[in-house]
Amino acid sequence: MSFKRDGDDASFIRLLQKRRISELFTANIPNNEAKLLSNGRFACTVCHQGPVFDTVPMLSIHRSGKRHKKGSIHLVFRSYIF
C-alpha cells in the first residue's frame, strides 16, 4: 500500500529549512558557531571534527559539551592572534 503527499515535496523541504533557520535564531546560537547545510542540517564550525546535527536542541546540547567549549577557546585565541 502506498500513499501520496499533498503538495510539492520541494516546497515542503524549503519550509522545513526556513523553520530550522528561525529556530537557530531563537536559540541564541551565534552565526559563526553553526552553519546551515543544504539538506537542512546544522554543522558545528567551532569543532575540528565538524559534527552534523539534525535539530537545534541537539546542537545546543553539543554546545554545552567539553569538546565544543575547548574548541571555542581555541577559536577566540586565534581571533586575538590574527
Protein backbone atom coordinates (compact mmCIF):
# COMPACT_ATOMS: atom_id res chain seq x y z
CA MET A 1 0.00 0.00 0.00
CA SER A 2 1.42 3.38 -0.97
CA PHE A 3 0.38 6.93 -0.31
CA LYS A 4 1.00 10.32 -1.83
CA ARG A 5 1.65 13.58 -0.04
CA ASP A 6 -0.48 16.59 -0.69
CA GLY A 7 1.55 19.38 -2.23
CA ASP A 8 5.01 19.65 -3.68
CA ASP A 9 7.84 17.94 -1.78
CA ALA A 10 10.35 20.65 -2.70
CA SER A 11 8.18 23.33 -1.13
CA PHE A 12 7.79 21.23 2.00
CA ILE A 13 11.56 20.84 2.30
CA ARG A 14 12.07 24.59 1.84
CA LEU A 15 9.51 25.23 4.56
CA LEU A 16 11.38 22.92 6.94
CA GLN A 17 14.69 24.66 6.17
CA LYS A 18 13.19 28.08 6.88
CA ARG A 19 11.75 26.77 10.12
CA ARG A 20 15.16 25.44 11.15
CA ILE A 21 16.77 28.81 10.40
CA SER A 22 14.21 30.56 12.58
CA GLU A 23 14.83 28.01 15.35
CA LEU A 24 18.54 28.77 15.14
CA PHE A 25 17.93 32.48 15.61
CA THR A 26 15.58 31.93 18.55
CA ALA A 27 18.02 29.58 20.29
CA ASN A 28 20.64 32.36 20.70
CA ILE A 29 23.29 30.42 18.81
CA PRO A 30 25.80 32.75 17.14
CA ASN A 31 26.01 32.53 13.36
CA ASN A 32 29.75 31.87 13.43
CA GLU A 33 29.29 28.72 15.55
CA ALA A 34 26.83 26.88 13.30
CA LYS A 35 26.40 26.51 9.58
CA LEU A 36 23.18 25.50 7.87
CA LEU A 37 23.83 22.81 5.27
CA SER A 38 21.94 22.43 2.01
CA ASN A 39 19.95 19.48 3.38
CA GLY A 40 18.67 21.49 6.36
CA ARG A 41 21.04 20.07 8.96
CA PHE A 42 23.40 22.06 11.15
CA ALA A 43 27.18 21.71 11.25
CA CYS A 44 29.35 22.96 14.10
CA THR A 45 32.05 25.29 12.79
CA VAL A 46 33.91 25.53 16.09
CA CYS A 47 34.91 21.88 16.48
CA HIS A 48 37.57 20.50 14.18
CA GLN A 49 35.55 17.27 13.70
CA GLY A 50 32.68 19.23 12.12
CA PRO A 51 29.80 17.25 13.66
CA VAL A 52 26.42 17.46 11.91
CA PHE A 53 23.13 17.70 13.82
CA ASP A 54 19.52 17.29 12.73
CA THR A 55 17.86 19.65 15.18
CA VAL A 56 18.65 22.82 17.09
CA PRO A 57 18.20 21.14 20.51
CA MET A 58 20.88 18.59 19.60
CA LEU A 59 23.19 21.42 18.53
CA SER A 60 22.60 23.25 21.80
CA ILE A 61 23.35 20.06 23.76
CA HIS A 62 26.60 19.76 21.80
CA ARG A 63 27.47 23.38 22.59
CA SER A 64 27.40 22.60 26.31
CA GLY A 65 29.89 19.75 25.85
CA LYS A 66 33.57 19.65 26.76
CA ARG A 67 34.96 19.38 23.22
CA HIS A 68 32.94 22.32 21.92
CA LYS A 69 33.99 24.54 24.80
CA LYS A 70 37.62 23.63 24.20
CA GLY A 71 37.22 24.44 20.50
CA SER A 72 35.57 27.78 21.26
CA ILE A 73 38.51 28.74 23.49
CA HIS A 74 40.91 28.00 20.61
CA LEU A 75 38.67 29.97 18.25
CA VAL A 76 38.75 33.03 20.50
CA PHE A 77 42.51 32.69 20.96
CA ARG A 78 43.08 32.51 17.19
CA SER A 79 40.95 35.61 16.62
CA TYR A 80 43.13 37.60 19.06
CA ILE A 81 46.33 36.50 17.35
CA PHE A 82 45.30 37.49 13.83
